[in-house]
Protein backbone atom coordinates (compact mmCIF):
# COMPACT_ATOMS: atom_id res chain seq x y z
CA MET A 1 153.07 180.91 271.50
CA ARG A 2 152.30 179.48 274.87
CA LEU A 3 155.23 178.43 277.01
CA ARG A 4 154.73 176.24 279.95
CA GLU A 5 156.36 176.83 283.15
CA SER A 6 159.15 174.36 283.59
CA ARG A 7 159.10 172.69 286.92
CA ALA A 8 161.98 170.89 288.52
CA PRO A 9 161.63 167.13 287.99
CA GLU A 10 160.42 165.27 291.04
CA PRO A 11 162.94 162.87 292.61
CA PRO A 12 162.18 159.23 291.96
CA GLU A 13 160.39 157.44 294.78
CA LEU A 14 162.22 154.56 296.33
CA ASN A 15 159.98 151.76 297.58
CA LEU A 16 161.77 149.94 300.37
CA THR A 17 159.07 147.41 301.13
CA SER A 18 160.31 144.79 298.70
CA LEU A 19 163.94 145.35 299.80
CA ILE A 20 163.06 144.77 303.45
CA ASP A 21 161.14 141.56 302.47
CA VAL A 22 164.17 140.21 300.65
CA VAL A 23 166.52 141.04 303.59
CA LEU A 24 164.14 139.30 306.07
CA LEU A 25 163.88 136.23 303.87
CA LEU A 26 167.75 136.02 303.62
CA LEU A 27 167.97 136.37 307.39
CA ILE A 28 165.52 133.53 307.95
CA PHE A 29 167.32 131.38 305.32
CA PHE A 30 170.70 131.86 306.97
CA MET A 31 169.26 131.21 310.45
CA LEU A 32 167.77 127.92 309.31
CA THR A 33 170.86 126.68 307.45
CA THR A 34 173.42 127.52 310.09
CA THR A 35 175.10 124.55 311.70
CA PHE A 36 175.57 124.90 315.41
CA VAL A 37 178.75 123.82 317.16
CA ARG A 38 178.33 120.61 319.19
CA PRO A 39 180.76 120.13 322.02
CA SER A 40 182.96 117.08 321.71
CA GLN A 41 182.40 114.25 324.19
CA ILE A 42 186.07 113.38 324.26
CA ALA A 43 188.59 116.00 325.22
CA ILE A 44 191.60 115.74 322.95
CA ARG A 45 194.98 117.25 323.79
CA LEU A 46 196.97 117.57 320.62
CA PRO A 47 200.58 116.38 320.71
CA GLU A 48 203.54 118.72 320.61
CA ALA A 49 206.75 117.81 319.05
CA GLY A 50 209.59 119.42 321.01
CA SER A 51 213.35 118.97 321.27
CA SER A 52 213.18 117.16 324.58
CA ALA A 53 213.16 113.40 324.77
CA ALA A 54 209.82 111.58 324.88
CA PRO A 55 208.58 110.93 328.40
CA ALA A 56 208.69 107.36 329.64
CA MET A 57 205.34 105.58 329.32
CA ARG A 58 203.52 105.19 332.59
CA LEU A 59 201.79 101.94 333.41
CA GLN A 60 198.78 103.78 334.70
CA GLU A 61 197.65 104.82 331.20
CA LEU A 62 195.90 102.80 328.55
CA GLU A 63 197.62 102.52 325.17
CA ILE A 64 195.69 101.66 322.02
CA SER A 65 197.63 101.08 318.79
CA VAL A 66 195.96 101.07 315.33
CA THR A 67 197.87 99.30 312.56
CA ALA A 68 197.77 100.21 308.86
CA ARG A 69 195.21 97.41 308.30
CA GLY A 70 192.96 98.71 311.07
CA GLU A 71 193.90 96.09 313.64
CA TYR A 72 193.88 97.14 317.32
CA ARG A 73 196.40 96.43 320.04
CA VAL A 74 195.60 97.21 323.67
CA ASN A 75 198.77 97.76 325.75
CA GLY A 76 200.74 95.81 323.08
CA ARG A 77 198.44 92.80 322.88
CA ALA A 78 196.78 92.09 319.58
CA LEU A 79 193.03 91.49 319.47
CA VAL A 80 191.21 88.59 317.85
CA ASP A 81 189.27 90.80 315.37
CA ASN A 82 188.65 94.51 314.59
CA ARG A 83 185.12 94.81 315.94
CA PRO A 84 184.35 97.61 318.41
CA ALA A 85 182.86 95.05 320.86
CA THR A 86 186.14 93.12 320.96
CA LEU A 87 188.05 96.39 321.57
CA GLU A 88 185.63 97.35 324.35
CA ALA A 89 186.06 93.92 326.05
CA ALA A 90 189.85 94.22 325.88
CA ILE A 91 189.77 97.74 327.39
CA ARG A 92 187.44 96.53 330.16
CA ARG A 93 189.88 93.71 330.96
CA VAL A 94 192.78 96.14 331.33
CA MET A 95 190.76 98.89 333.14
CA PRO A 96 191.54 97.72 336.72
CA GLU A 97 195.25 98.22 336.06
CA VAL A 98 194.72 101.75 334.76
CA ARG A 99 194.71 104.25 337.59
CA GLU A 100 193.84 107.40 335.66
CA ARG A 101 191.42 107.63 332.79
CA ARG A 102 194.09 108.57 330.24
CA LEU A 103 194.48 107.14 326.77
CA ILE A 104 197.50 107.14 324.51
CA LEU A 105 196.55 106.50 320.89
CA ASN A 106 199.17 105.32 318.46
CA ALA A 107 197.97 105.13 314.91
CA ASP A 108 199.87 104.20 311.71
CA ALA A 109 199.96 106.90 309.09
CA GLU A 110 198.22 104.49 306.70
CA ALA A 111 195.46 103.60 309.21
CA SER A 112 191.95 104.63 308.22
CA HIS A 113 190.36 107.59 309.98
CA GLN A 114 187.38 105.40 310.85
CA SER A 115 189.52 102.98 312.85
CA VAL A 116 191.03 105.81 314.90
CA VAL A 117 187.60 107.36 315.53
CA THR A 118 186.17 103.99 316.52
CA ALA A 119 188.96 103.52 319.11
CA MET A 120 188.36 106.99 320.52
CA ASP A 121 184.58 106.41 320.64
CA VAL A 122 184.89 103.12 322.52
CA ALA A 123 187.34 104.60 325.02
CA GLY A 124 185.15 107.65 325.45
CA ARG A 125 182.12 105.49 326.25
CA LEU A 126 184.19 103.68 328.92
CA GLY A 127 185.07 106.99 330.64
CA PHE A 128 188.44 107.88 329.26
CA ALA A 129 188.34 111.67 329.11
CA GLU A 130 191.91 112.55 328.16
CA VAL A 131 193.34 111.37 324.86
CA ARG A 132 196.89 111.87 323.70
CA ILE A 133 197.76 111.04 320.11
CA THR A 134 201.41 110.26 319.54
CA THR A 135 203.38 111.70 316.67
CA VAL A 136 206.80 111.22 315.13
CA ARG A 137 208.99 114.20 314.59
CA SER A 138 209.72 114.75 310.93
CA GLU A 139 213.29 115.29 309.78
CA SER A 140 214.10 118.95 309.29
CA ARG A 141 215.05 120.07 305.83
CA ASP A 142 218.10 122.24 306.08
């Protein structure tokens, strides 16, 4: 009887070429689908609700109010319609009275987001760089 010499089994070969191809394709895919951060054109300072009383409104700031129906009021005066061109004309009329390019934005809780963004966009195009959005302090639940 002839017995063969038993050899130790060879370790399996691992082909990394296809693995590297897949990793590179994933890298290219993620690089192409990544959204890049675009800096905002309007600097927004978010409101803070504190325990102190609200500061008195200065006459040197522009105040735009947005109602629940999307109507605009510039420094308390209602506009004829809700078009951005009308809002821009009203802001231009008030601009000589405004010393600093600050905007106070009052929006009703039921106002559409589009109406608020339109107001901020029009003010930003006219050079208002600082926007403050007013809030109402909610009642604490004790």
